[in-house]
Every structure is written in C-alpha cells, then in structure tokens.
Amino acid sequence: MTRVVSLFLPSWSTDRLRRKAGDAAPPAEAPLALIGRDGRKQVVLAADAAAQAAGVCVGMAATKARVLVQGLIVHDHDAIADAQALDRLALWMLQRYAPIVTADPPEGLVIDSTGADHLHGGEDAMLAGLIDRLAASGVHARAAIADTWGAAHALARYAAKPALVAPAGHGSAVLAGLPLAALRLPADMVAALHVLGFERIGDLLAQPRAPLTLRFGPQLGRRIDQALGALSEPIDPIRPDELIEVKRNFAEPIGAAETIARYIGKLVVQLCAELEAKGLGAKRLDLICRRVDNRLQAVRVGTAMPVRDVRRLTRLLTDKIETIEPGFGIEILSLTATLAEPLSEKQTLTAMVDDRVPDVSDLVDTLINRVGERSLYRAAPIATEVPERSVRRIAPMAPDTGATWPGHWPRPSRLLASPEPIETMALLPDHPPVAFTWRGIRRRVRHADGPERIRGEWWRRDAELTAVRDYFRVEDDAGERYWIFRSGDGEDPNSVSQRWFLHGVFG
C-alpha cells in the first residue's frame, strides 16, 4: 500500500532568512515579519511565531504591523529564494529518506515513503527523526503520513502536533473532522461552502456529489477523490541536473520479473559508464518504475562505499524486484545515482593485485539493503572514562579511527545497557562486598580486585562535579566474574548515594 509523507514548514520564509543570516540573525524571541506588495499596498507575507503571538498575521498592512508590535523586525519577502531553498531541501530529503520527493510550495514537501520507512526505524521513528533534524537546523516542521498525498497534506497542516501517523487503509475517518481548507480548495470556494453551512470535510462527504459538482465545478470532487485515494495524484520526483540518471522507454509495457531484471542490467551498464566518465561511484541508487496508470514504483538500494561494479549493483537491484507491483505494465524505467562520490583508484584495481585485506563491502551492502542502514554498525571507542559513554556506533565500512579503550584495567566483555542495583554485604564501607544479590540470586564473593576509581565528567553538568564510582572485579563461588561498583567513595556519606550496582559480566 502506498504511504505518503507531507512535511509542513509553517515558518519557512522566516526560518530560511534566519539561517541565511547566521550569527547576524535576529534573536529567536524577536518578532520577525516579511513584507511584499499586494497591488499598491505593502502587506505582511510571512511572520514567525513571535510576531504572530504579538498579533501580526499574514495579509495585514505593513504599517499596521509596525504600529501594533513594538520592535518588529521587518525584511523584504523573497519568494524566489524561498522556492530555491525548498528545492534544495527536497534534494537533501531525496538523498537521505526516499527515492520519490518533491517540493509542495510554498511551504511544504511531499515524500512517497512506500517501502522506505523500515530503513529509518519505522514510520513513527522516521517522522520524529525528520522533524528533529530540521529543528536542529533552525527549521520548524510538522509532518504526517497517510495513504494519499491529499490526506497527508491535510493532516500535516490541521492535525499533526508535530507528527501524526494515520493507520494504513484509514479511508475518510481521519479527514472527516478537518476544516474544508484542508482539501486545498481556493479561498473563495471555501467561503462559498461556509455560506451554505458546510464547515468540515465530513459535511461534504455526507452530501450527494452531483449538486456540488454542478455548483462548484469538478475541482471540489477531484480534491475529495484525491484525498480518499479514489483518484491518482502522482508525485513527480525532483531530479536536479547534477544527478546522473539513465532512462528506458518501452513501446509495449513490461511486467514480467525476468524482463524487468534484464532491463535493469542494461540500465546499470549505462549508469556505470557515466559514473566512470566522471570518476564517481554510486552509494545510493533509485530505480523508478512509471506504470501505465501513471503511478510510480520505487526501489532504493545503498552501498557502504562508492561502487560502479555492474554485477554487484545489478544484483542489489534485482534482489528487490519482488517489491515492485507492475500493475498493467511499466512504460518507463529510470535509474538514478542519487548519491555519488569520487571513487578511489584502489577500488578499480584488478584481482591480480595482491590485496591481503579481505573485502567484505559486498556482504555489507547485501545486509544493509535487507535489514536497513540503521541496523548495521560497528562499535568504536570514545575517549572517556565513564564506561557507558565509551562506545559509539559508526558505519560498517567507516575507516578505523585509531582510538582504543584504556588498557590499564580490563573491561568486561558484556556491558549492561545501564547499571543494575544489587544488594551487598561488606565487612567495611570502603571494601568490596563479601556477598551480593543480583536478579534475585545471592552470590558469595570468593575473590575481588580493585578499586578502580572513576570520577564524573564535570564539564558536562554540575551533578558530576562530585560523582565518584569505585569499580571492583569480583568472582563468585561458581567462577563467574562480574564488574560491580559503589556509587560514592565509601567514606564520605555526602558523596553520592553509596549504593552498589552491577555494570558488566566478564566472559
């Protein structure tokens, strides 16, 4: 089933202006409005949250806005710059989230996420991550995902707080309570419908279609059908000139898996030739299948390193053929190197070269495209003394950072996600315990080594100024070895809690 994400950027114009100004941008709490001409008048065309809270609204006369809000910062509105920046954002989304993305001007994007959400941890995680990444860049966003472009567009603008995931196959239930403006109707049509007593989309759905069409024309019915999925609304994906793309048009639509696989192989050969001419390798490929009913089917594959190996890329794409629904046939196949990087000479050497380092990138590529990029990673050390902060995830084929863990004290092979409290019995407060209870089982300590004192990282927060842990390696009667610590120094009762925790298990 098709799933579509609508991304709504309610303050796109002012957010873009602040990002462009950088350090010279006005403070976030300062009200900001952008003005332009409406006929002979100067009116407000965009206002940030602070300006709207102070009473400024779009369409208000610029002179009135200046009088109404003391200290209002006013700049000229640049619609062309907004549109260009929106296209750049769409390209960024295309390279990171899904193969079908396009701008939804003046302040939105639309993404066909069918089959791509699992690569980002599911639909909820994908929307949350998308909104958080934009917020970190100073762009406020709301997003919704639904079965159609029209439904997602409506939910993002009138229901998402800040994200909303409509259940698959939702029908009209999620739209019935939304205002008429959510259907993307002209303002004068919405006003005329209000005069007739229609306030919500559900009011229209309960009425016969013929009288409404006779009075308001076909646009009203078309918008309703698009939102409900009864009428197709294809998304024309953005394709900048700098992207390397090859296409194949068919006089007779194709649909058999063997035929699709054969033409994928031919497209990969053409694409690799163009990549080689530019000294590039593909890291992300998008195969777009345009069906005869004007619907798009997309397949995305990625590689851990830049590649232009025809056999490898063909195999990655053909492994995904089962996800393509050709319908009544495919009339256009296009293959795009959505993400391409310079290809090092080392990767173009022949097999005659003695390369003693085994190349596992082919295996990594296969696993990434099966389980998702987020599910495959390596652990890399971080220069910190606090154990739970000493590991980070890096890409499977990322170069070695050269960092290592401290070697003066051994570390357990299994570190718990978070330290678990244990009940202990110690002869002296600053000595290791003679016995402890963990997960309901009492263990008698036969040997103990320590303490290894680890202090908090005072530069992170004030609470860590006095944080102290004393770690011990202990062995019980059964020969099992554990890594336990006391929170505090065992002497000063004011040094943290003096409680004991188990943090790891030695292999």
Protein backbone atom coordinates (compact mmCIF):
# COMPACT_ATOMS: atom_id res chain seq x y z
CA MET A 1 0.00 0.00 0.00
CA THR A 2 1.20 3.49 -0.88
CA ARG A 3 2.29 5.68 2.04
CA VAL A 4 2.94 9.39 1.63
CA VAL A 5 4.62 11.88 3.97
CA SER A 6 3.62 15.53 3.89
CA LEU A 7 6.09 17.89 5.54
CA PHE A 8 4.69 21.28 6.52
CA LEU A 9 7.08 24.17 7.29
CA PRO A 10 4.82 26.81 8.86
CA SER A 11 7.54 29.47 9.17
CA TRP A 12 9.70 28.51 6.21
CA SER A 13 10.32 32.04 4.91
CA THR A 14 11.45 33.45 8.27
CA ASP A 15 13.40 30.30 9.18
CA ARG A 16 15.25 30.48 5.86
CA LEU A 17 16.08 34.14 6.44
CA ARG A 18 17.47 33.43 9.92
CA ARG A 19 19.57 30.53 8.62
CA LYS A 20 20.96 32.67 5.82
CA ALA A 21 21.87 35.48 8.23
CA GLY A 22 23.75 33.06 10.51
CA ASP A 23 25.29 34.80 13.51
CA ALA A 24 23.84 38.11 12.32
CA ALA A 25 20.28 36.78 12.53
CA PRO A 26 17.89 38.48 14.96
CA PRO A 27 17.30 36.66 18.27
CA ALA A 28 14.76 33.84 18.20
CA GLU A 29 12.48 35.74 20.61
CA ALA A 30 12.49 38.89 18.43
CA PRO A 31 9.32 39.21 16.28
CA LEU A 32 10.14 39.00 12.57
CA ALA A 33 7.87 39.74 9.60
CA LEU A 34 8.48 39.66 5.85
CA ILE A 35 6.62 42.12 3.68
CA GLY A 36 5.87 42.48 -0.02
CA ARG A 37 3.46 44.19 -2.39
CA ASP A 38 -0.16 43.26 -2.90
CA GLY A 39 -1.17 45.63 -5.65
CA ARG A 40 -0.22 49.06 -4.41
CA LYS A 41 -0.12 48.13 -0.73
CA GLN A 42 2.68 46.68 1.32
CA VAL A 43 1.41 43.75 3.36
CA VAL A 44 2.82 41.07 5.62
CA LEU A 45 3.52 37.92 3.60
CA ALA A 46 5.19 35.88 6.36
CA ALA A 47 5.58 36.15 10.12
CA ASP A 48 7.39 33.99 12.66
CA ALA A 49 5.83 32.58 15.82
CA ALA A 50 6.87 35.56 17.98
CA ALA A 51 5.30 38.04 15.55
CA GLN A 52 2.09 36.01 15.28
CA ALA A 53 1.85 35.79 19.07
CA ALA A 54 2.10 39.58 19.18
CA GLY A 55 -0.86 39.93 16.78
CA VAL A 56 0.77 40.08 13.34
CA CYS A 57 -0.93 37.95 10.68
CA VAL A 58 -0.37 37.29 7.00
CA GLY A 59 -2.20 39.84 4.85
CA MET A 60 -2.03 42.61 7.44
CA ALA A 61 -0.89 46.02 6.20
CA ALA A 62 2.81 46.54 6.89
CA THR A 63 2.20 49.94 8.51
CA LYS A 64 -0.37 48.43 10.89
CA ALA A 65 2.03 45.64 11.85
CA ARG A 66 4.78 48.14 12.67
CA VAL A 67 2.43 50.16 14.87
CA LEU A 68 0.94 47.08 16.53
CA VAL A 69 4.24 45.44 17.55
CA GLN A 70 6.95 47.50 19.17
CA GLY A 71 10.39 46.42 17.93
CA LEU A 72 9.06 44.39 14.99
CA ILE A 73 11.91 43.41 12.66
CA VAL A 74 10.86 43.80 9.03
CA HIS A 75 12.56 42.42 5.90
CA ASP A 76 11.52 42.09 2.27
CA HIS A 77 9.96 38.79 1.29
CA ASP A 78 11.85 36.87 -1.41
CA ALA A 79 9.56 34.22 -2.91
CA ILE A 80 12.17 33.10 -5.46
CA ALA A 81 14.79 32.45 -2.78
CA ASP A 82 12.20 30.54 -0.74
CA ALA A 83 11.38 28.29 -3.70
CA GLN A 84 15.04 27.63 -4.48
CA ALA A 85 15.78 26.78 -0.86
CA LEU A 86 12.76 24.46 -0.79
CA ASP A 87 14.12 22.62 -3.83
CA ARG A 88 17.49 22.25 -2.11
CA LEU A 89 15.75 20.83 0.96
CA ALA A 90 13.84 18.40 -1.28
CA LEU A 91 17.15 17.23 -2.76
CA TRP A 92 18.53 16.72 0.74
CA MET A 93 15.46 14.63 1.61
CA LEU A 94 15.83 12.66 -1.62
CA GLN A 95 19.39 11.68 -0.74
CA ARG A 96 18.55 10.60 2.81
CA TYR A 97 14.95 9.42 3.12
CA ALA A 98 13.18 8.13 0.00
CA PRO A 99 13.56 7.98 -3.79
CA ILE A 100 10.39 9.99 -4.56
CA VAL A 101 10.46 13.52 -3.12
CA THR A 102 9.22 16.81 -4.49
CA ALA A 103 8.52 20.34 -3.30
CA ASP A 104 4.97 21.23 -2.29
CA PRO A 105 5.19 25.04 -2.48
CA PRO A 106 5.06 27.46 -0.90
CA GLU A 107 5.98 25.81 2.40
CA GLY A 108 5.98 22.06 2.20
CA LEU A 109 7.46 18.86 0.81
CA VAL A 110 5.86 15.57 -0.15
CA ILE A 111 7.65 12.21 0.13
CA ASP A 112 6.49 8.83 -1.14
CA SER A 113 7.84 6.67 1.70
CA THR A 114 6.40 3.35 0.47
CA GLY A 115 8.85 0.63 1.43
CA ALA A 116 11.42 3.10 2.80
CA ASP A 117 10.25 3.61 6.38
CA HIS A 118 11.87 0.41 7.69
CA LEU A 119 15.26 1.83 6.75
CA HIS A 120 14.65 4.59 9.31
CA GLY A 121 13.21 2.54 12.17
CA GLY A 122 9.54 2.63 11.14
CA GLU A 123 7.10 5.40 10.33
CA ASP A 124 6.98 6.96 13.79
CA ALA A 125 10.75 7.00 14.14
CA MET A 126 11.18 8.34 10.61
CA LEU A 127 8.86 11.32 11.22
CA ALA A 128 10.39 12.04 14.63
CA GLY A 129 13.91 11.92 13.23
CA LEU A 130 12.97 14.11 10.28
CA ILE A 131 11.39 16.78 12.50
CA ASP A 132 14.28 16.68 14.98
CA ARG A 133 16.92 17.09 12.27
CA LEU A 134 15.11 20.08 10.82
CA ALA A 135 14.68 21.60 14.29
CA ALA A 136 18.42 21.24 14.90
CA SER A 137 18.93 23.30 11.73
CA GLY A 138 16.54 26.01 12.88
CA VAL A 139 13.58 24.94 10.73
CA HIS A 140 10.22 24.34 12.43
CA ALA A 141 8.24 21.48 10.90
CA ARG A 142 5.12 19.37 11.25
CA ALA A 143 4.64 16.11 9.41
CA ALA A 144 2.00 13.48 8.75
CA ILE A 145 1.96 10.18 6.92
CA ALA A 146 -1.15 8.77 5.24
CA ASP A 147 -2.27 6.69 2.28
CA THR A 148 -2.54 9.66 -0.12
CA TRP A 149 -0.89 12.97 -0.79
CA GLY A 150 -4.14 14.84 -0.13
CA ALA A 151 -4.77 13.15 3.23
CA ALA A 152 -1.18 13.61 4.41
CA HIS A 153 -1.25 17.28 3.31
CA ALA A 154 -4.43 17.89 5.30
CA LEU A 155 -3.26 16.09 8.43
CA ALA A 156 0.14 17.79 8.48
CA ARG A 157 -1.44 21.25 8.45
CA TYR A 158 -4.52 20.72 10.61
CA ALA A 159 -3.89 17.73 12.90
CA ALA A 160 -0.17 16.98 13.38
CA LYS A 161 1.29 18.08 16.75
CA PRO A 162 4.02 17.92 15.48
CA ALA A 163 3.73 14.45 13.88
CA LEU A 164 0.84 12.16 13.04
CA VAL A 165 0.82 8.67 11.55
CA ALA A 166 -2.55 7.70 10.07
CA PRO A 167 -3.24 3.95 10.09
CA ALA A 168 -2.90 2.16 6.78
CA GLY A 169 -6.22 1.92 4.96
CA HIS A 170 -7.69 4.76 7.03
CA GLY A 171 -10.31 5.85 4.48
CA SER A 172 -12.29 9.01 5.24
CA ALA A 173 -12.31 8.59 9.04
CA VAL A 174 -9.17 10.67 9.64
CA LEU A 175 -10.39 13.51 7.41
CA ALA A 176 -14.00 13.93 8.47
CA GLY A 177 -13.30 16.33 11.34
CA LEU A 178 -10.89 18.60 9.45
CA PRO A 179 -11.89 22.03 8.07
CA LEU A 180 -12.72 22.47 4.38
CA ALA A 181 -9.49 24.37 3.75
CA ALA A 182 -7.61 21.10 4.33
CA LEU A 183 -8.80 19.92 0.89
CA ARG A 184 -6.55 22.50 -0.86
CA LEU A 185 -9.55 24.36 -2.27
CA PRO A 186 -9.47 28.02 -3.40
CA ALA A 187 -10.33 30.50 -0.65
CA ASP A 188 -13.40 31.79 -2.48
CA MET A 189 -14.78 28.25 -2.84
CA VAL A 190 -14.25 27.59 0.87
CA ALA A 191 -16.05 30.85 1.72
CA ALA A 192 -18.98 29.91 -0.55
CA LEU A 193 -19.25 26.47 1.07
CA HIS A 194 -19.28 28.10 4.51
CA VAL A 195 -22.23 30.25 3.42
CA LEU A 196 -24.10 27.06 2.58
CA GLY A 197 -23.41 25.69 6.06
CA PHE A 198 -20.52 23.31 5.31
CA GLU A 199 -17.78 23.53 7.94
CA ARG A 200 -15.99 20.18 7.94
CA ILE A 201 -14.91 17.68 5.31
CA GLY A 202 -17.34 15.19 6.82
CA ASP A 203 -20.20 17.57 5.94
CA LEU A 204 -19.27 17.32 2.25
CA LEU A 205 -18.81 13.55 2.31
CA ALA A 206 -22.38 13.13 3.54
CA GLN A 207 -23.83 15.05 0.55
CA PRO A 208 -24.61 13.80 -2.98
CA ARG A 209 -21.76 14.64 -5.35
CA ALA A 210 -23.82 15.81 -8.38
CA PRO A 211 -25.30 19.03 -6.88
CA LEU A 212 -21.90 20.06 -5.52
CA THR A 213 -20.24 19.47 -8.88
CA LEU A 214 -22.96 21.39 -10.69
CA ARG A 215 -22.46 24.42 -8.44
CA PHE A 216 -18.71 24.40 -7.80
CA GLY A 217 -17.28 22.54 -10.78
CA PRO A 218 -15.14 19.39 -10.93
CA GLN A 219 -12.33 20.68 -8.72
CA LEU A 220 -14.21 20.02 -5.48
CA GLY A 221 -14.93 16.39 -6.33
CA ARG A 222 -11.39 15.89 -7.65
CA ARG A 223 -9.82 17.09 -4.39
CA ILE A 224 -12.09 14.81 -2.35
CA ASP A 225 -11.27 11.79 -4.53
CA GLN A 226 -7.55 12.54 -4.36
CA ALA A 227 -7.64 12.72 -0.57
CA LEU A 228 -9.57 9.44 -0.35
CA GLY A 229 -7.39 7.65 -2.90
CA ALA A 230 -10.16 7.17 -5.46
CA LEU A 231 -8.23 9.35 -7.92
CA SER A 232 -4.50 9.07 -8.52
CA GLU A 233 -2.28 12.04 -7.71
CA PRO A 234 1.22 11.09 -8.90
CA ILE A 235 4.27 12.69 -7.33
CA ASP A 236 6.77 13.93 -9.90
CA PRO A 237 10.12 13.39 -8.15
CA ILE A 238 12.70 16.16 -8.15
CA ARG A 239 15.63 15.42 -10.43
CA PRO A 240 18.30 18.17 -10.48
CA ASP A 241 20.60 18.36 -13.49
CA GLU A 242 23.64 17.29 -11.46
CA LEU A 243 22.17 13.85 -10.71
CA ILE A 244 23.33 11.07 -13.02
CA GLU A 245 20.24 9.38 -14.49
CA VAL A 246 19.52 6.92 -17.29
CA LYS A 247 16.10 6.00 -18.69
CA ARG A 248 14.44 3.41 -20.87
CA ASN A 249 11.05 3.97 -22.54
CA PHE A 250 9.06 0.95 -23.73
CA ALA A 251 6.78 0.88 -26.74
CA GLU A 252 4.97 -2.03 -25.09
CA PRO A 253 4.67 -2.01 -21.28
CA ILE A 254 6.64 -4.69 -19.44
CA GLY A 255 5.62 -6.57 -16.32
CA ALA A 256 7.40 -9.93 -16.07
CA ALA A 257 10.11 -10.10 -13.39
CA GLU A 258 12.61 -11.60 -15.87
CA THR A 259 12.05 -8.75 -18.30
CA ILE A 260 12.41 -6.13 -15.61
CA ALA A 261 15.65 -7.78 -14.42
CA ARG A 262 17.07 -7.81 -17.96
CA TYR A 263 16.48 -4.10 -18.48
CA ILE A 264 17.79 -3.28 -15.00
CA GLY A 265 21.06 -4.88 -16.06
CA LYS A 266 21.18 -2.73 -19.21
CA LEU A 267 20.47 0.46 -17.25
CA VAL A 268 23.20 -0.38 -14.73
CA VAL A 269 25.72 -0.76 -17.57
CA GLN A 270 24.77 2.70 -18.92
CA LEU A 271 24.86 4.28 -15.48
CA CYS A 272 28.27 2.81 -14.61
CA ALA A 273 29.66 4.13 -17.90
CA GLU A 274 28.53 7.65 -16.99
CA LEU A 275 29.87 7.28 -13.47
CA GLU A 276 33.23 6.16 -14.83
CA ALA A 277 33.38 9.15 -17.17
CA LYS A 278 33.05 11.43 -14.14
CA GLY A 279 35.31 9.42 -11.84
CA LEU A 280 32.46 8.66 -9.45
CA GLY A 281 30.99 5.66 -7.70
CA ALA A 282 27.37 5.20 -6.61
CA LYS A 283 26.48 5.00 -2.92
CA ARG A 284 22.72 5.14 -3.41
CA LEU A 285 20.67 4.07 -6.44
CA ASP A 286 16.99 4.73 -7.10
CA LEU A 287 15.04 2.71 -9.63
CA ILE A 288 11.75 4.41 -10.57
CA CYS A 289 9.12 2.41 -12.46
CA ARG A 290 6.41 4.54 -14.09
CA ARG A 291 3.34 2.40 -14.73
CA VAL A 292 0.76 2.88 -17.45
CA ASP A 293 -1.71 4.19 -14.84
CA ASN A 294 0.80 6.98 -14.05
CA ARG A 295 1.65 5.53 -10.64
CA LEU A 296 5.28 5.22 -9.56
CA GLN A 297 7.00 2.23 -8.02
CA ALA A 298 10.39 2.88 -6.44
CA VAL A 299 13.30 0.71 -5.37
CA ARG A 300 16.22 2.13 -3.37
CA VAL A 301 19.49 0.36 -2.69
CA GLY A 302 22.61 1.65 -0.99
CA THR A 303 26.25 0.66 -0.70
CA ALA A 304 28.68 1.16 2.14
CA MET A 305 31.35 2.56 -0.20
CA PRO A 306 31.25 4.17 -3.66
CA VAL A 307 30.79 1.41 -6.24
CA ARG A 308 30.46 1.11 -10.01
CA ASP A 309 30.69 -2.66 -10.24
CA VAL A 310 27.99 -3.67 -12.75
CA ARG A 311 27.44 -7.15 -11.34
CA ARG A 312 27.16 -6.00 -7.73
CA LEU A 313 24.77 -3.12 -8.44
CA THR A 314 22.63 -5.30 -10.72
CA ARG A 315 22.34 -7.99 -8.05
CA LEU A 316 21.34 -5.47 -5.36
CA LEU A 317 18.58 -4.06 -7.58
CA THR A 318 17.25 -7.38 -8.87
CA ASP A 319 17.01 -8.68 -5.30
CA LYS A 320 14.30 -6.02 -4.80
CA ILE A 321 12.20 -6.91 -7.87
CA GLU A 322 9.67 -8.75 -5.71
CA THR A 323 8.71 -5.41 -4.12
CA ILE A 324 7.68 -3.95 -7.50
CA GLU A 325 4.00 -4.10 -8.40
CA PRO A 326 3.90 -3.57 -12.19
CA GLY A 327 0.10 -3.37 -12.36
CA PHE A 328 -0.95 -3.27 -16.02
CA GLY A 329 2.65 -2.72 -17.07
CA ILE A 330 5.65 -0.42 -16.76
CA GLU A 331 6.27 2.03 -19.57
CA ILE A 332 9.35 3.89 -18.25
CA LEU A 333 12.29 2.66 -16.17
CA SER A 334 14.73 5.23 -14.79
CA LEU A 335 17.84 4.60 -12.73
CA THR A 336 19.45 7.44 -10.78
CA ALA A 337 22.65 7.68 -8.78
CA THR A 338 21.06 9.74 -6.02
CA LEU A 339 24.28 9.78 -4.02
CA ALA A 340 27.63 9.51 -5.78
CA GLU A 341 31.14 10.12 -4.50
CA PRO A 342 34.64 10.06 -6.00
CA LEU A 343 35.86 6.51 -6.46
CA SER A 344 39.38 5.85 -5.23
CA GLU A 345 41.85 4.15 -7.54
CA LYS A 346 42.23 1.29 -5.08
CA GLN A 347 38.74 0.07 -5.86
CA THR A 348 39.37 -0.04 -9.62
CA LEU A 349 42.41 -2.33 -9.40
CA THR A 350 42.08 -5.80 -10.88
CA ALA A 351 42.08 -9.03 -8.97
CA MET A 352 45.75 -9.59 -9.97
CA VAL A 353 46.78 -7.13 -7.28
CA ASP A 354 47.62 -8.87 -4.01
CA ASP A 355 45.21 -7.28 -1.56
CA ARG A 356 45.61 -9.03 1.76
CA VAL A 357 42.75 -7.17 3.43
CA PRO A 358 39.52 -9.10 2.74
CA ASP A 359 36.84 -7.03 1.04
CA VAL A 360 33.57 -7.51 2.92
CA SER A 361 31.83 -4.50 1.39
CA ASP A 362 29.73 -6.75 -0.89
CA LEU A 363 28.38 -8.62 2.16
CA VAL A 364 27.77 -5.34 4.00
CA ASP A 365 25.80 -3.98 1.03
CA THR A 366 23.60 -7.09 0.96
CA LEU A 367 22.86 -6.89 4.68
CA ILE A 368 22.19 -3.13 4.64
CA ASN A 369 19.59 -3.48 1.91
CA ARG A 370 17.87 -6.32 3.76
CA VAL A 371 17.78 -5.07 7.33
CA GLY A 372 18.25 -1.31 6.92
CA GLU A 373 21.19 1.02 7.29
CA ARG A 374 20.41 1.81 10.93
CA SER A 375 20.56 -1.87 11.92
CA LEU A 376 24.14 -2.47 10.75
CA TYR A 377 27.03 -0.76 12.51
CA ARG A 378 30.39 -1.15 14.22
CA ALA A 379 31.35 -0.16 17.74
CA ALA A 380 34.09 2.44 18.06
CA PRO A 381 35.81 3.68 21.22
CA ILE A 382 35.33 7.19 22.61
CA ALA A 383 37.91 8.95 24.73
CA THR A 384 36.05 8.96 28.04
CA GLU A 385 36.46 7.29 31.42
CA VAL A 386 32.73 6.80 32.00
CA PRO A 387 32.03 3.24 30.75
CA GLU A 388 28.52 3.77 29.34
CA ARG A 389 29.79 6.68 27.25
CA SER A 390 32.84 4.91 25.87
CA VAL A 391 31.19 3.41 22.77
CA ARG A 392 29.55 4.91 19.71
CA ARG A 393 28.08 3.46 16.55
CA ILE A 394 29.83 4.04 13.24
CA ALA A 395 29.16 2.84 9.69
CA PRO A 396 30.29 -0.74 8.97
CA MET A 397 32.89 0.35 6.41
CA ALA A 398 33.96 3.57 8.12
CA PRO A 399 37.76 3.97 8.37
CA ASP A 400 39.43 2.99 11.63
CA THR A 401 39.59 5.97 13.98
CA GLY A 402 42.69 4.68 15.75
CA ALA A 403 41.10 5.22 19.17
CA THR A 404 41.33 2.47 21.79
CA TRP A 405 39.88 1.77 25.22
CA PRO A 406 42.11 2.24 28.28
CA GLY A 407 44.27 -0.85 28.77
CA HIS A 408 45.45 -0.40 32.34
CA TRP A 409 42.27 -2.00 33.74
CA PRO A 410 40.41 -4.84 31.98
CA ARG A 411 36.85 -4.26 30.84
CA PRO A 412 34.02 -6.84 30.78
CA SER A 413 33.05 -8.46 27.50
CA ARG A 414 29.38 -7.68 28.22
CA LEU A 415 28.45 -4.22 29.47
CA LEU A 416 24.84 -3.78 30.61
CA ALA A 417 22.80 -1.05 28.95
CA SER A 418 22.51 0.62 32.33
CA PRO A 419 23.90 -0.37 35.74
CA GLU A 420 21.54 -2.59 37.75
CA PRO A 421 21.24 -2.17 41.54
CA ILE A 422 22.41 -5.03 43.74
CA GLU A 423 22.10 -5.82 47.44
CA THR A 424 25.50 -6.28 49.11
CA MET A 425 27.14 -7.25 52.40
CA ALA A 426 30.60 -5.75 53.10
CA LEU A 427 32.89 -6.03 56.10
CA LEU A 428 33.91 -2.36 55.84
CA PRO A 429 32.26 0.52 53.93
CA ASP A 430 35.22 1.03 51.59
CA HIS A 431 35.89 -2.71 51.00
CA PRO A 432 34.41 -4.93 48.27
CA PRO A 433 31.34 -6.94 49.30
CA VAL A 434 31.66 -10.48 50.62
CA ALA A 435 28.32 -11.35 49.01
CA PHE A 436 25.75 -9.69 46.73
CA THR A 437 22.28 -10.41 45.37
CA TRP A 438 21.57 -9.73 41.69
CA ARG A 439 18.30 -10.54 39.92
CA GLY A 440 17.07 -12.48 42.95
CA ILE A 441 20.13 -14.80 43.21
CA ARG A 442 22.60 -14.49 46.10
CA ARG A 443 26.27 -14.89 45.14
CA ARG A 444 29.16 -15.29 47.56
CA VAL A 445 32.33 -13.42 46.55
CA ARG A 446 35.44 -15.62 46.51
CA HIS A 447 37.94 -13.14 45.01
CA ALA A 448 37.85 -9.37 44.45
CA ASP A 449 40.23 -6.92 42.79
CA GLY A 450 40.04 -3.15 43.00
CA PRO A 451 39.03 -0.49 43.42
CA GLU A 452 39.35 1.40 40.15
CA ARG A 453 38.11 4.90 40.83
CA ILE A 454 36.23 6.73 38.04
CA ARG A 455 35.11 10.30 38.50
CA GLY A 456 32.31 12.14 36.72
CA GLU A 457 32.90 14.45 33.76
CA TRP A 458 32.47 17.79 35.47
CA TRP A 459 32.25 19.73 32.21
CA ARG A 460 29.00 18.02 31.25
CA ARG A 461 26.83 19.06 34.20
CA ASP A 462 27.17 20.26 37.78
CA ALA A 463 25.90 16.99 39.27
CA GLU A 464 29.05 15.22 38.05
CA LEU A 465 31.41 17.53 39.94
CA THR A 466 31.23 15.22 42.96
CA ALA A 467 30.31 11.98 41.18
CA VAL A 468 32.60 9.09 42.16
CA ARG A 469 32.49 5.37 41.38
CA ASP A 470 34.73 2.64 42.80
CA TYR A 471 34.75 -0.40 40.47
CA PHE A 472 35.70 -3.95 41.59
CA ARG A 473 36.20 -7.16 39.64
CA VAL A 474 34.69 -9.95 41.69
CA GLU A 475 34.46 -13.72 41.27
CA ASP A 476 31.78 -15.86 42.93
CA ASP A 477 31.88 -19.46 44.11
CA ALA A 478 30.76 -20.70 40.68
CA GLY A 479 33.69 -18.98 38.94
CA GLU A 480 31.54 -16.26 37.32
CA ARG A 481 33.19 -12.85 37.20
CA TYR A 482 31.34 -9.56 37.46
CA TRP A 483 32.10 -5.85 37.29
CA ILE A 484 30.45 -4.01 40.17
CA PHE A 485 30.81 -0.53 41.58
CA ARG A 486 29.89 1.54 44.59
CA SER A 487 28.39 4.97 43.88
CA GLY A 488 30.47 7.11 46.23
CA ASP A 489 33.88 6.76 47.86
CA GLY A 490 32.72 4.57 50.77
CA GLU A 491 33.80 7.10 53.40
CA ASP A 492 32.10 10.44 52.87
CA PRO A 493 28.30 9.94 53.22
CA ASN A 494 27.76 13.09 51.14
CA SER A 495 29.48 11.63 48.08
CA VAL A 496 26.51 10.43 46.02
CA SER A 497 24.32 7.52 47.22
CA GLN A 498 26.81 4.86 48.47
CA ARG A 499 24.67 2.22 46.69
CA TRP A 500 26.11 -0.76 44.81
CA PHE A 501 25.47 -1.62 41.15
CA LEU A 502 26.44 -4.36 38.71
CA HIS A 503 27.62 -2.94 35.40
CA GLY A 504 29.12 -5.80 33.40
CA VAL A 505 29.90 -9.51 33.11
CA PHE A 506 33.30 -10.91 32.13
CA GLY A 507 33.33 -13.68 29.53
